[in-house]
Amino acid sequence: MPANLLLLLSRLLLAALFVPAGIQTLGDIGGATGYFAGLGLPSPQLAAWGVGLFELIAGFAVLIGFQMRIAAGLLAAFCLIAGYIGHYGQGEDPTLAFLHTQMLMKDIAIAGGFLALAVAGAGAYSIDGWSRQALTWR
């Protein structure tokens, strides 16, 4: 499969995680606020709004391939921070501890995917690719 199609597929799969998460968070600010309060974050309502907007906007940027290197780098950092805050050392019983460890490792793996996209860029089938192409036509 050509590289540009794989980059498109990578963007679609990663955006499929963050765009709906942003919509869900913004659609249930009360629930998200309660979750962040349970984690002990200061200003949990502000955190809920910030996370929801960030997931939606950055996820959409990945989806369309806009400012891919920046969006992917920010999302990689977000995954590592969110994994640490939300999963590292969590879980009082062995089952929950196992679940949180698995979720932390998935956050780390997703960050790796975003770092790869930050290096590779969005590919030809993206806003970045089309704007780069338009600049060469001038």
C-alpha atoms as a PDB file:
ATOM      1  CA  MET A   1       0.000   0.000   0.000  1.00  0.00           C
ATOM      2  CA  PRO A   2       1.425   3.422  -0.892  1.00  0.00           C
ATOM      3  CA  ALA A   3       2.838   5.495   1.949  1.00  0.00           C
ATOM      4  CA  ASN A   4       0.317   8.315   1.538  1.00  0.00           C
ATOM      5  CA  LEU A   5      -2.596   5.911   1.942  1.00  0.00           C
ATOM      6  CA  LEU A   6      -1.024   4.458   5.085  1.00  0.00           C
ATOM      7  CA  LEU A   7      -0.534   7.959   6.498  1.00  0.00           C
ATOM      8  CA  LEU A   8      -4.190   8.712   5.763  1.00  0.00           C
ATOM      9  CA  LEU A   9      -5.262   5.463   7.434  1.00  0.00           C
ATOM     10  CA  SER A  10      -3.066   6.240  10.450  1.00  0.00           C
ATOM     11  CA  ARG A  11      -4.627   9.676  10.784  1.00  0.00           C
ATOM     12  CA  LEU A  12      -8.165   8.286  10.476  1.00  0.00           C
ATOM     13  CA  LEU A  13      -7.563   5.604  13.107  1.00  0.00           C
ATOM     14  CA  LEU A  14      -5.998   7.995  15.605  1.00  0.00           C
ATOM     15  CA  ALA A  15      -8.618  10.687  15.000  1.00  0.00           C
ATOM     16  CA  ALA A  16     -11.316   8.052  15.575  1.00  0.00           C
ATOM     17  CA  LEU A  17     -10.161   7.977  19.185  1.00  0.00           C
ATOM     18  CA  PHE A  18      -9.891  11.700  19.877  1.00  0.00           C
ATOM     19  CA  VAL A  19     -12.747  13.377  17.976  1.00  0.00           C
ATOM     20  CA  PRO A  20     -15.467  11.240  19.632  1.00  0.00           C
ATOM     21  CA  ALA A  21     -13.711  11.553  23.011  1.00  0.00           C
ATOM     22  CA  GLY A  22     -13.802  15.336  22.701  1.00  0.00           C
ATOM     23  CA  ILE A  23     -17.472  15.287  21.732  1.00  0.00           C
ATOM     24  CA  GLN A  24     -18.296  12.953  24.629  1.00  0.00           C
ATOM     25  CA  THR A  25     -16.360  15.056  27.130  1.00  0.00           C
ATOM     26  CA  LEU A  26     -17.997  18.286  25.984  1.00  0.00           C
ATOM     27  CA  GLY A  27     -21.388  16.584  25.943  1.00  0.00           C
ATOM     28  CA  ASP A  28     -21.055  15.508  29.571  1.00  0.00           C
ATOM     29  CA  ILE A  29     -19.076  18.245  31.296  1.00  0.00           C
ATOM     30  CA  GLY A  30     -20.589  17.241  34.632  1.00  0.00           C
ATOM     31  CA  GLY A  31     -19.355  13.666  34.333  1.00  0.00           C
ATOM     32  CA  ALA A  32     -15.936  14.760  33.101  1.00  0.00           C
ATOM     33  CA  THR A  33     -15.693  17.307  35.914  1.00  0.00           C
ATOM     34  CA  GLY A  34     -16.496  14.575  38.430  1.00  0.00           C
ATOM     35  CA  TYR A  35     -13.843  12.307  36.911  1.00  0.00           C
ATOM     36  CA  PHE A  36     -11.167  15.019  37.057  1.00  0.00           C
ATOM     37  CA  ALA A  37     -12.209  15.956  40.597  1.00  0.00           C
ATOM     38  CA  GLY A  38     -11.783  12.276  41.550  1.00  0.00           C
ATOM     39  CA  LEU A  39      -8.235  12.422  40.207  1.00  0.00           C
ATOM     40  CA  GLY A  40      -7.571  15.380  42.492  1.00  0.00           C
ATOM     41  CA  LEU A  41      -7.020  17.911  39.731  1.00  0.00           C
ATOM     42  CA  PRO A  42      -7.404  21.565  40.658  1.00  0.00           C
ATOM     43  CA  SER A  43     -10.220  23.321  38.773  1.00  0.00           C
ATOM     44  CA  PRO A  44     -11.756  20.096  37.471  1.00  0.00           C
ATOM     45  CA  GLN A  45     -14.446  21.900  35.463  1.00  0.00           C
ATOM     46  CA  LEU A  46     -11.803  23.982  33.684  1.00  0.00           C
ATOM     47  CA  ALA A  47      -9.827  20.785  33.064  1.00  0.00           C
ATOM     48  CA  ALA A  48     -12.930  19.104  31.598  1.00  0.00           C
ATOM     49  CA  TRP A  49     -13.566  21.962  29.183  1.00  0.00           C
ATOM     50  CA  GLY A  50      -9.880  22.202  28.247  1.00  0.00           C
ATOM     51  CA  VAL A  51      -9.482  18.478  27.657  1.00  0.00           C
ATOM     52  CA  GLY A  52     -12.721  18.238  25.686  1.00  0.00           C
ATOM     53  CA  LEU A  53     -11.845  21.165  23.427  1.00  0.00           C
ATOM     54  CA  PHE A  54      -8.261  19.978  22.994  1.00  0.00           C
ATOM     55  CA  GLU A  55      -9.296  16.425  22.071  1.00  0.00           C
ATOM     56  CA  LEU A  56     -11.873  17.704  19.584  1.00  0.00           C
ATOM     57  CA  ILE A  57      -9.729  20.369  17.916  1.00  0.00           C
ATOM     58  CA  ALA A  58      -6.458  18.430  17.857  1.00  0.00           C
ATOM     59  CA  GLY A  59      -8.274  15.248  16.791  1.00  0.00           C
ATOM     60  CA  PHE A  60      -9.946  17.117  13.949  1.00  0.00           C
ATOM     61  CA  ALA A  61      -6.573  18.607  12.909  1.00  0.00           C
ATOM     62  CA  VAL A  62      -5.196  15.061  12.686  1.00  0.00           C
ATOM     63  CA  LEU A  63      -8.272  13.902  10.783  1.00  0.00           C
ATOM     64  CA  ILE A  64      -7.859  16.521   8.052  1.00  0.00           C
ATOM     65  CA  GLY A  65      -4.060  16.632   8.252  1.00  0.00           C
ATOM     66  CA  PHE A  66      -3.780  20.288   9.248  1.00  0.00           C
ATOM     67  CA  GLN A  67      -0.553  21.392  10.958  1.00  0.00           C
ATOM     68  CA  MET A  68       0.101  17.689  11.442  1.00  0.00           C
ATOM     69  CA  ARG A  69       3.541  17.885  12.990  1.00  0.00           C
ATOM     70  CA  ILE A  70       2.359  20.328  15.666  1.00  0.00           C
ATOM     71  CA  ALA A  71      -0.953  18.542  16.340  1.00  0.00           C
ATOM     72  CA  ALA A  72       0.729  15.133  16.519  1.00  0.00           C
ATOM     73  CA  GLY A  73       3.447  16.405  18.850  1.00  0.00           C
ATOM     74  CA  LEU A  74       0.881  17.985  21.164  1.00  0.00           C
ATOM     75  CA  LEU A  75      -1.262  14.845  21.155  1.00  0.00           C
ATOM     76  CA  ALA A  76       1.775  12.676  21.932  1.00  0.00           C
ATOM     77  CA  ALA A  77       2.524  14.844  24.970  1.00  0.00           C
ATOM     78  CA  PHE A  78      -1.168  14.803  25.939  1.00  0.00           C
ATOM     79  CA  CYS A  79      -1.255  10.990  25.816  1.00  0.00           C
ATOM     80  CA  LEU A  80       1.800  10.684  28.052  1.00  0.00           C
ATOM     81  CA  ILE A  81       0.522  13.231  30.560  1.00  0.00           C
ATOM     82  CA  ALA A  82      -3.027  11.815  30.567  1.00  0.00           C
ATOM     83  CA  GLY A  83      -1.675   8.282  30.950  1.00  0.00           C
ATOM     84  CA  TYR A  84       0.453   9.299  33.906  1.00  0.00           C
ATOM     85  CA  ILE A  85      -2.286  11.281  35.643  1.00  0.00           C
ATOM     86  CA  GLY A  86      -5.123   8.893  34.886  1.00  0.00           C
ATOM     87  CA  HIS A  87      -3.505   5.482  35.098  1.00  0.00           C
ATOM     88  CA  TYR A  88      -0.057   5.401  36.719  1.00  0.00           C
ATOM     89  CA  GLY A  89      -0.333   3.835  40.159  1.00  0.00           C
ATOM     90  CA  GLN A  90      -4.133   3.633  39.983  1.00  0.00           C
ATOM     91  CA  GLY A  91      -6.220   0.667  41.034  1.00  0.00           C
ATOM     92  CA  GLU A  92      -6.564  -0.609  44.549  1.00  0.00           C
ATOM     93  CA  ASP A  93      -7.290  -4.247  43.778  1.00  0.00           C
ATOM     94  CA  PRO A  94      -5.184  -6.413  41.422  1.00  0.00           C
ATOM     95  CA  THR A  95      -7.780  -6.376  38.647  1.00  0.00           C
ATOM     96  CA  LEU A  96      -8.024  -2.588  38.563  1.00  0.00           C
ATOM     97  CA  ALA A  97      -4.253  -2.233  38.874  1.00  0.00           C
ATOM     98  CA  PHE A  98      -3.847  -4.539  35.846  1.00  0.00           C
ATOM     99  CA  LEU A  99      -6.459  -2.572  33.889  1.00  0.00           C
ATOM    100  CA  HIS A 100      -4.795   0.756  34.652  1.00  0.00           C
ATOM    101  CA  THR A 101      -1.368  -0.614  33.721  1.00  0.00           C
ATOM    102  CA  GLN A 102      -2.759  -1.777  30.369  1.00  0.00           C
ATOM    103  CA  MET A 103      -4.388   1.611  29.770  1.00  0.00           C
ATOM    104  CA  LEU A 104      -1.122   3.381  30.601  1.00  0.00           C
ATOM    105  CA  MET A 105       0.742   1.207  28.110  1.00  0.00           C
ATOM    106  CA  LYS A 106      -1.898   1.936  25.441  1.00  0.00           C
ATOM    107  CA  ASP A 107      -1.501   5.671  26.065  1.00  0.00           C
ATOM    108  CA  ILE A 108       2.260   5.275  25.638  1.00  0.00           C
ATOM    109  CA  ALA A 109       1.756   3.305  22.401  1.00  0.00           C
ATOM    110  CA  ILE A 110      -0.666   5.920  21.026  1.00  0.00           C
ATOM    111  CA  ALA A 111       1.918   8.596  21.834  1.00  0.00           C
ATOM    112  CA  GLY A 112       4.395   6.591  19.760  1.00  0.00           C
ATOM    113  CA  GLY A 113       1.995   6.614  16.819  1.00  0.00           C
ATOM    114  CA  PHE A 114       1.631  10.370  17.111  1.00  0.00           C
ATOM    115  CA  LEU A 115       5.403  10.829  17.262  1.00  0.00           C
ATOM    116  CA  ALA A 116       5.732   8.794  14.070  1.00  0.00           C
ATOM    117  CA  LEU A 117       3.162  11.053  12.388  1.00  0.00           C
ATOM    118  CA  ALA A 118       4.966  14.121  13.713  1.00  0.00           C
ATOM    119  CA  VAL A 119       8.099  12.920  11.916  1.00  0.00           C
ATOM    120  CA  ALA A 120       6.419  11.638   8.742  1.00  0.00           C
ATOM    121  CA  GLY A 121       3.883  14.428   8.363  1.00  0.00           C
ATOM    122  CA  ALA A 122       0.307  14.104   7.167  1.00  0.00           C
ATOM    123  CA  GLY A 123       1.023  12.845   3.658  1.00  0.00           C
ATOM    124  CA  ALA A 124      -0.357  13.946   0.311  1.00  0.00           C
ATOM    125  CA  TYR A 125      -4.015  13.342   1.200  1.00  0.00           C
ATOM    126  CA  SER A 126      -4.250  16.143   3.725  1.00  0.00           C
ATOM    127  CA  ILE A 127      -4.608  19.886   4.079  1.00  0.00           C
ATOM    128  CA  ASP A 128      -0.851  20.101   4.683  1.00  0.00           C
ATOM    129  CA  GLY A 129      -0.151  18.025   1.563  1.00  0.00           C
ATOM    130  CA  TRP A 130      -2.517  20.016  -0.616  1.00  0.00           C
ATOM    131  CA  SER A 131      -1.224  23.369   0.600  1.00  0.00           C
ATOM    132  CA  ARG A 132       2.369  22.251   0.021  1.00  0.00           C
ATOM    133  CA  GLN A 133       1.383  21.163  -3.482  1.00  0.00           C
ATOM    134  CA  ALA A 134      -0.318  24.500  -4.151  1.00  0.00           C
ATOM    135  CA  LEU A 135       2.877  26.338  -3.177  1.00  0.00           C
ATOM    136  CA  THR A 136       4.900  24.362  -5.738  1.00  0.00           C
ATOM    137  CA  TRP A 137       2.446  25.267  -8.527  1.00  0.00           C
ATOM    138  CA  ARG A 138       3.129  28.980  -8.181  1.00  0.00           C
END
